[in-house]
Amino acid sequence: MDLGTIEVCWNILEQYVKKSDQQPAVSHLVAELMDTGFLDEDIKQLANISELFANAINEHNIGDDDDYWFEAE
């Protein structure tokens, strides 16, 4: 699965997931992607999808000690 597909899926699902459940849902998704063998470089790029993904990546301490922030387009 490519990063664009993950973004499209999340954009659809976030409409149906309660706001209070979105961060745990994204954190779970990131953990599952890590478990399936996604490369750290690809996981880091997920931070550009939203602040929720950036938070999840920081939570999982992926890669080096840099902070990853959501960059609005």
PDB file of N, CA and C in Angstrom:
ATOM      1  N   MET A   1       0.863  -1.184   0.000  1.00  0.00           N
ATOM      2  CA  MET A   1       0.000   0.000   0.000  1.00  0.00           C
ATOM      3  C   MET A   1       0.899   1.233   0.000  1.00  0.00           C
ATOM      4  N   ASP A   2       0.562   2.194  -0.827  1.00  0.00           N
ATOM      5  CA  ASP A   2       1.376   3.402  -0.878  1.00  0.00           C
ATOM      6  C   ASP A   2       0.813   4.485   0.037  1.00  0.00           C
ATOM      7  N   LEU A   3       1.614   5.499   0.269  1.00  0.00           N
ATOM      8  CA  LEU A   3       1.233   6.564   1.197  1.00  0.00           C
ATOM      9  C   LEU A   3       0.000   7.331   0.736  1.00  0.00           C
ATOM     10  N   GLY A   4      -0.144   7.516  -0.567  1.00  0.00           N
ATOM     11  CA  GLY A   4      -1.325   8.206  -1.092  1.00  0.00           C
ATOM     12  C   GLY A   4      -2.602   7.452  -0.791  1.00  0.00           C
ATOM     13  N   THR A   5      -2.534   6.137  -0.881  1.00  0.00           N
ATOM     14  CA  THR A   5      -3.706   5.308  -0.583  1.00  0.00           C
ATOM     15  C   THR A   5      -4.072   5.410   0.892  1.00  0.00           C
ATOM     16  N   ILE A   6      -3.073   5.407   1.743  1.00  0.00           N
ATOM     17  CA  ILE A   6      -3.326   5.544   3.185  1.00  0.00           C
ATOM     18  C   ILE A   6      -3.996   6.884   3.469  1.00  0.00           C
ATOM     19  N   GLU A   7      -3.523   7.935   2.835  1.00  0.00           N
ATOM     20  CA  GLU A   7      -4.115   9.261   3.042  1.00  0.00           C
ATOM     21  C   GLU A   7      -5.565   9.300   2.577  1.00  0.00           C
ATOM     22  N   VAL A   8      -5.843   8.754   1.409  1.00  0.00           N
ATOM     23  CA  VAL A   8      -7.219   8.730   0.901  1.00  0.00           C
ATOM     24  C   VAL A   8      -8.124   7.953   1.854  1.00  0.00           C
ATOM     25  N   CYS A   9      -7.662   6.804   2.304  1.00  0.00           N
ATOM     26  CA  CYS A   9      -8.459   5.988   3.237  1.00  0.00           C
ATOM     27  C   CYS A   9      -8.733   6.748   4.525  1.00  0.00           C
ATOM     28  N   TRP A  10      -7.701   7.388   5.074  1.00  0.00           N
ATOM     29  CA  TRP A  10      -7.905   8.125   6.316  1.00  0.00           C
ATOM     30  C   TRP A  10      -8.857   9.300   6.117  1.00  0.00           C
ATOM     31  N   ASN A  11      -8.743  10.001   5.005  1.00  0.00           N
ATOM     32  CA  ASN A  11      -9.643  11.134   4.748  1.00  0.00           C
ATOM     33  C   ASN A  11     -11.103  10.700   4.732  1.00  0.00           C
ATOM     34  N   ILE A  12     -11.356   9.498   4.268  1.00  0.00           N
ATOM     35  CA  ILE A  12     -12.726   8.959   4.290  1.00  0.00           C
ATOM     36  C   ILE A  12     -13.110   8.536   5.700  1.00  0.00           C
ATOM     37  N   LEU A  13     -12.240   7.768   6.339  1.00  0.00           N
ATOM     38  CA  LEU A  13     -12.572   7.219   7.659  1.00  0.00           C
ATOM     39  C   LEU A  13     -12.716   8.285   8.739  1.00  0.00           C
ATOM     40  N   GLU A  14     -11.928   9.362   8.658  1.00  0.00           N
ATOM     41  CA  GLU A  14     -12.000  10.371   9.715  1.00  0.00           C
ATOM     42  C   GLU A  14     -13.371  11.044   9.778  1.00  0.00           C
ATOM     43  N   GLN A  15     -14.134  10.968   8.701  1.00  0.00           N
ATOM     44  CA  GLN A  15     -15.488  11.516   8.695  1.00  0.00           C
ATOM     45  C   GLN A  15     -16.426  10.690   9.571  1.00  0.00           C
ATOM     46  N   TYR A  16     -16.066   9.436   9.811  1.00  0.00           N
ATOM     47  CA  TYR A  16     -16.931   8.513  10.537  1.00  0.00           C
ATOM     48  C   TYR A  16     -16.416   8.153  11.922  1.00  0.00           C
ATOM     49  N   VAL A  17     -15.163   8.516  12.214  1.00  0.00           N
ATOM     50  CA  VAL A  17     -14.582   8.225  13.516  1.00  0.00           C
ATOM     51  C   VAL A  17     -14.750   9.469  14.393  1.00  0.00           C
ATOM     52  N   LYS A  18     -15.303   9.271  15.603  1.00  0.00           N
ATOM     53  CA  LYS A  18     -15.493  10.396  16.511  1.00  0.00           C
ATOM     54  C   LYS A  18     -14.157  11.080  16.779  1.00  0.00           C
ATOM     55  N   LYS A  19     -14.197  12.411  16.916  1.00  0.00           N
ATOM     56  CA  LYS A  19     -12.983  13.189  17.168  1.00  0.00           C
ATOM     57  C   LYS A  19     -12.168  12.604  18.321  1.00  0.00           C
ATOM     58  N   SER A  20     -12.839  12.215  19.390  1.00  0.00           N
ATOM     59  CA  SER A  20     -12.125  11.707  20.563  1.00  0.00           C
ATOM     60  C   SER A  20     -11.447  10.367  20.309  1.00  0.00           C
ATOM     61  N   ASP A  21     -11.852   9.673  19.260  1.00  0.00           N
ATOM     62  CA  ASP A  21     -11.260   8.373  18.929  1.00  0.00           C
ATOM     63  C   ASP A  21     -10.252   8.446  17.791  1.00  0.00           C
ATOM     64  N   GLN A  22     -10.074   9.609  17.196  1.00  0.00           N
ATOM     65  CA  GLN A  22      -9.209   9.699  16.023  1.00  0.00           C
ATOM     66  C   GLN A  22      -7.735   9.473  16.352  1.00  0.00           C
ATOM     67  N   GLN A  23      -7.233  10.072  17.444  1.00  0.00           N
ATOM     68  CA  GLN A  23      -5.807   9.881  17.761  1.00  0.00           C
ATOM     69  C   GLN A  23      -5.487   8.421  18.070  1.00  0.00           C
ATOM     70  N   PRO A  24      -6.289   7.751  18.910  1.00  0.00           N
ATOM     71  CA  PRO A  24      -6.006   6.324  19.130  1.00  0.00           C
ATOM     72  C   PRO A  24      -6.111   5.499  17.848  1.00  0.00           C
ATOM     73  N   ALA A  25      -7.031   5.849  16.977  1.00  0.00           N
ATOM     74  CA  ALA A  25      -7.185   5.113  15.722  1.00  0.00           C
ATOM     75  C   ALA A  25      -5.952   5.292  14.840  1.00  0.00           C
ATOM     76  N   VAL A  26      -5.448   6.506  14.723  1.00  0.00           N
ATOM     77  CA  VAL A  26      -4.264   6.761  13.908  1.00  0.00           C
ATOM     78  C   VAL A  26      -3.036   6.105  14.530  1.00  0.00           C
ATOM     79  N   SER A  27      -2.911   6.168  15.843  1.00  0.00           N
ATOM     80  CA  SER A  27      -1.785   5.515  16.518  1.00  0.00           C
ATOM     81  C   SER A  27      -1.795   4.016  16.271  1.00  0.00           C
ATOM     82  N   HIS A  28      -2.972   3.423  16.310  1.00  0.00           N
ATOM     83  CA  HIS A  28      -3.109   1.994  16.027  1.00  0.00           C
ATOM     84  C   HIS A  28      -2.732   1.701  14.577  1.00  0.00           C
ATOM     85  N   LEU A  29      -3.194   2.532  13.657  1.00  0.00           N
ATOM     86  CA  LEU A  29      -2.872   2.349  12.243  1.00  0.00           C
ATOM     87  C   LEU A  29      -1.366   2.420  12.015  1.00  0.00           C
ATOM     88  N   VAL A  30      -0.708   3.401  12.607  1.00  0.00           N
ATOM     89  CA  VAL A  30       0.740   3.544  12.447  1.00  0.00           C
ATOM     90  C   VAL A  30       1.449   2.315  13.009  1.00  0.00           C
ATOM     91  N   ALA A  31       1.023   1.838  14.169  1.00  0.00           N
ATOM     92  CA  ALA A  31       1.625   0.639  14.763  1.00  0.00           C
ATOM     93  C   ALA A  31       1.453  -0.571  13.851  1.00  0.00           C
ATOM     94  N   GLU A  32       0.279  -0.716  13.262  1.00  0.00           N
ATOM     95  CA  GLU A  32       0.031  -1.843  12.355  1.00  0.00           C
ATOM     96  C   GLU A  32       0.889  -1.739  11.097  1.00  0.00           C
ATOM     97  N   LEU A  33       1.041  -0.529  10.564  1.00  0.00           N
ATOM     98  CA  LEU A  33       1.885  -0.335   9.391  1.00  0.00           C
ATOM     99  C   LEU A  33       3.333  -0.673   9.706  1.00  0.00           C
ATOM    100  N   MET A  34       3.782  -0.297  10.899  1.00  0.00           N
ATOM    101  CA  MET A  34       5.138  -0.643  11.318  1.00  0.00           C
ATOM    102  C   MET A  34       5.299  -2.158  11.400  1.00  0.00           C
ATOM    103  N   ASP A  35       4.300  -2.825  11.943  1.00  0.00           N
ATOM    104  CA  ASP A  35       4.351  -4.278  12.086  1.00  0.00           C
ATOM    105  C   ASP A  35       4.363  -5.003  10.746  1.00  0.00           C
ATOM    106  N   THR A  36       3.780  -4.386   9.729  1.00  0.00           N
ATOM    107  CA  THR A  36       3.737  -5.036   8.416  1.00  0.00           C
ATOM    108  C   THR A  36       5.023  -4.819   7.626  1.00  0.00           C
ATOM    109  N   GLY A  37       5.945  -4.039   8.181  1.00  0.00           N
ATOM    110  CA  GLY A  37       7.232  -3.868   7.536  1.00  0.00           C
ATOM    111  C   GLY A  37       7.419  -2.592   6.749  1.00  0.00           C
ATOM    112  N   PHE A  38       6.531  -1.610   6.947  1.00  0.00           N
ATOM    113  CA  PHE A  38       6.750  -0.320   6.292  1.00  0.00           C
ATOM    114  C   PHE A  38       8.107   0.225   6.721  1.00  0.00           C
ATOM    115  N   LEU A  39       8.834   0.788   5.788  1.00  0.00           N
ATOM    116  CA  LEU A  39      10.130   1.371   6.097  1.00  0.00           C
ATOM    117  C   LEU A  39       9.959   2.633   6.939  1.00  0.00           C
ATOM    118  N   ASP A  40      10.930   2.886   7.821  1.00  0.00           N
ATOM    119  CA  ASP A  40      10.869   4.080   8.663  1.00  0.00           C
ATOM    120  C   ASP A  40      10.716   5.348   7.828  1.00  0.00           C
ATOM    121  N   GLU A  41      11.390   5.393   6.666  1.00  0.00           N
ATOM    122  CA  GLU A  41      11.295   6.589   5.817  1.00  0.00           C
ATOM    123  C   GLU A  41       9.855   6.826   5.361  1.00  0.00           C
ATOM    124  N   ASP A  42       9.146   5.736   5.057  1.00  0.00           N
ATOM    125  CA  ASP A  42       7.750   5.855   4.623  1.00  0.00           C
ATOM    126  C   ASP A  42       6.851   6.229   5.792  1.00  0.00           C
ATOM    127  N   ILE A  43       7.104   5.633   6.939  1.00  0.00           N
ATOM    128  CA  ILE A  43       6.307   5.960   8.136  1.00  0.00           C
ATOM    129  C   ILE A  43       6.468   7.442   8.458  1.00  0.00           C
ATOM    130  N   LYS A  44       7.691   7.963   8.400  1.00  0.00           N
ATOM    131  CA  LYS A  44       7.932   9.378   8.695  1.00  0.00           C
ATOM    132  C   LYS A  44       7.131  10.278   7.758  1.00  0.00           C
ATOM    133  N   GLN A  45       6.985   9.877   6.499  1.00  0.00           N
ATOM    134  CA  GLN A  45       6.248  10.691   5.526  1.00  0.00           C
ATOM    135  C   GLN A  45       4.764  10.785   5.865  1.00  0.00           C
ATOM    136  N   LEU A  46       4.260   9.843   6.638  1.00  0.00           N
ATOM    137  CA  LEU A  46       2.852   9.904   7.051  1.00  0.00           C
ATOM    138  C   LEU A  46       2.565  11.150   7.877  1.00  0.00           C
ATOM    139  N   ALA A  47       3.594  11.711   8.514  1.00  0.00           N
ATOM    140  CA  ALA A  47       3.414  12.917   9.338  1.00  0.00           C
ATOM    141  C   ALA A  47       2.857  14.078   8.525  1.00  0.00           C
ATOM    142  N   ASN A  48       3.028  14.031   7.211  1.00  0.00           N
ATOM    143  CA  ASN A  48       2.518  15.114   6.368  1.00  0.00           C
ATOM    144  C   ASN A  48       1.017  15.024   6.116  1.00  0.00           C
ATOM    145  N   ILE A  49       0.405  13.902   6.499  1.00  0.00           N
ATOM    146  CA  ILE A  49      -1.036  13.753   6.293  1.00  0.00           C
ATOM    147  C   ILE A  49      -1.805  14.657   7.241  1.00  0.00           C
ATOM    148  N   SER A  50      -1.445  14.608   8.517  1.00  0.00           N
ATOM    149  CA  SER A  50      -2.136  15.445   9.506  1.00  0.00           C
ATOM    150  C   SER A  50      -1.350  15.461  10.809  1.00  0.00           C
ATOM    151  N   GLU A  51      -1.763  16.342  11.696  1.00  0.00           N
ATOM    152  CA  GLU A  51      -1.144  16.423  13.016  1.00  0.00           C
ATOM    153  C   GLU A  51      -1.346  15.116  13.783  1.00  0.00           C
ATOM    154  N   LEU A  52      -2.461  14.435  13.548  1.00  0.00           N
ATOM    155  CA  LEU A  52      -2.709  13.145  14.209  1.00  0.00           C
ATOM    156  C   LEU A  52      -1.626  12.142  13.851  1.00  0.00           C
ATOM    157  N   PHE A  53      -1.241  12.078  12.580  1.00  0.00           N
ATOM    158  CA  PHE A  53      -0.185  11.156  12.153  1.00  0.00           C
ATOM    159  C   PHE A  53       1.165  11.599  12.720  1.00  0.00           C
ATOM    160  N   ALA A  54       1.429  12.900  12.733  1.00  0.00           N
ATOM    161  CA  ALA A  54       2.681  13.399  13.302  1.00  0.00           C
ATOM    162  C   ALA A  54       2.784  13.016  14.778  1.00  0.00           C
ATOM    163  N   ASN A  55       1.682  13.151  15.510  1.00  0.00           N
ATOM    164  CA  ASN A  55       1.668  12.774  16.923  1.00  0.00           C
ATOM    165  C   ASN A  55       1.929  11.283  17.097  1.00  0.00           C
ATOM    166  N   ALA A  56       1.306  10.476  16.252  1.00  0.00           N
ATOM    167  CA  ALA A  56       1.477   9.021  16.347  1.00  0.00           C
ATOM    168  C   ALA A  56       2.923   8.624  16.063  1.00  0.00           C
ATOM    169  N   ILE A  57       3.532   9.278  15.099  1.00  0.00           N
ATOM    170  CA  ILE A  57       4.919   8.969  14.760  1.00  0.00           C
ATOM    171  C   ILE A  57       5.846   9.373  15.899  1.00  0.00           C
ATOM    172  N   ASN A  58       5.608  10.520  16.487  1.00  0.00           N
ATOM    173  CA  ASN A  58       6.397  10.940  17.644  1.00  0.00           C
ATOM    174  C   ASN A  58       6.191   9.971  18.802  1.00  0.00           C
ATOM    175  N   GLU A  59       4.975   9.514  18.983  1.00  0.00           N
ATOM    176  CA  GLU A  59       4.644   8.575  20.060  1.00  0.00           C
ATOM    177  C   GLU A  59       5.426   7.268  19.915  1.00  0.00           C
ATOM    178  N   HIS A  60       5.609   6.829  18.682  1.00  0.00           N
ATOM    179  CA  HIS A  60       6.297   5.565  18.425  1.00  0.00           C
ATOM    180  C   HIS A  60       7.806   5.734  18.269  1.00  0.00           C
ATOM    181  N   ASN A  61       8.311   6.975  18.427  1.00  0.00           N
ATOM    182  CA  ASN A  61       9.751   7.246  18.354  1.00  0.00           C
ATOM    183  C   ASN A  61      10.396   6.631  17.118  1.00  0.00           C
ATOM    184  N   ILE A  62       9.845   6.931  15.975  1.00  0.00           N
ATOM    185  CA  ILE A  62      10.349   6.367  14.725  1.00  0.00           C
ATOM    186  C   ILE A  62      11.549   7.167  14.248  1.00  0.00           C
ATOM    187  N   GLY A  63      12.616   6.468  13.933  1.00  0.00           N
ATOM    188  CA  GLY A  63      13.807   7.106  13.381  1.00  0.00           C
ATOM    189  C   GLY A  63      14.628   7.795  14.444  1.00  0.00           C
ATOM    190  N   ASP A  64      15.146   8.973  14.091  1.00  0.00           N
ATOM    191  CA  ASP A  64      16.008   9.693  15.014  1.00  0.00           C
ATOM    192  C   ASP A  64      15.178  10.533  15.983  1.00  0.00           C
ATOM    193  N   ASP A  65      15.828  11.425  16.694  1.00  0.00           N
ATOM    194  CA  ASP A  65      15.155  12.194  17.740  1.00  0.00           C
ATOM    195  C   ASP A  65      14.467  13.449  17.240  1.00  0.00           C
ATOM    196  N   ASP A  66      14.453  13.671  15.933  1.00  0.00           N
ATOM    197  CA  ASP A  66      13.781  14.862  15.392  1.00  0.00           C
ATOM    198  C   ASP A  66      12.284  14.793  15.646  1.00  0.00           C
ATOM    199  N   ASP A  67      11.683  15.955  15.830  1.00  0.00           N
ATOM    200  CA  ASP A  67      10.220  16.025  15.934  1.00  0.00           C
ATOM    201  C   ASP A  67       9.655  16.154  14.543  1.00  0.00           C
ATOM    202  N   TYR A  68       8.525  15.516  14.291  1.00  0.00           N
ATOM    203  CA  TYR A  68       7.863  15.587  12.999  1.00  0.00           C
ATOM    204  C   TYR A  68       6.576  16.354  13.177  1.00  0.00           C
ATOM    205  N   TRP A  69       6.406  17.366  12.373  1.00  0.00           N
ATOM    206  CA  TRP A  69       5.244  18.240  12.513  1.00  0.00           C
ATOM    207  C   TRP A  69       4.436  18.216  11.232  1.00  0.00           C
ATOM    208  N   PHE A  70       3.144  18.387  11.415  1.00  0.00           N
ATOM    209  CA  PHE A  70       2.241  18.494  10.287  1.00  0.00           C
ATOM    210  C   PHE A  70       2.523  19.790   9.556  1.00  0.00           C
ATOM    211  N   GLU A  71       2.681  19.711   8.251  1.00  0.00           N
ATOM    212  CA  GLU A  71       2.925  20.890   7.439  1.00  0.00           C
ATOM    213  C   GLU A  71       1.700  21.141   6.563  1.00  0.00           C
ATOM    214  N   ALA A  72       0.951  22.184   6.900  1.00  0.00           N
ATOM    215  CA  ALA A  72      -0.252  22.514   6.126  1.00  0.00           C
ATOM    216  C   ALA A  72       0.169  22.933   4.728  1.00  0.00           C
ATOM    217  N   GLU A  73      -0.641  22.541   3.767  1.00  0.00           N
ATOM    218  CA  GLU A  73      -0.341  22.874   2.367  1.00  0.00           C
ATOM    219  C   GLU A  73      -0.922  24.205   2.003  1.00  0.00           C
TER     220      GLU A  73
END
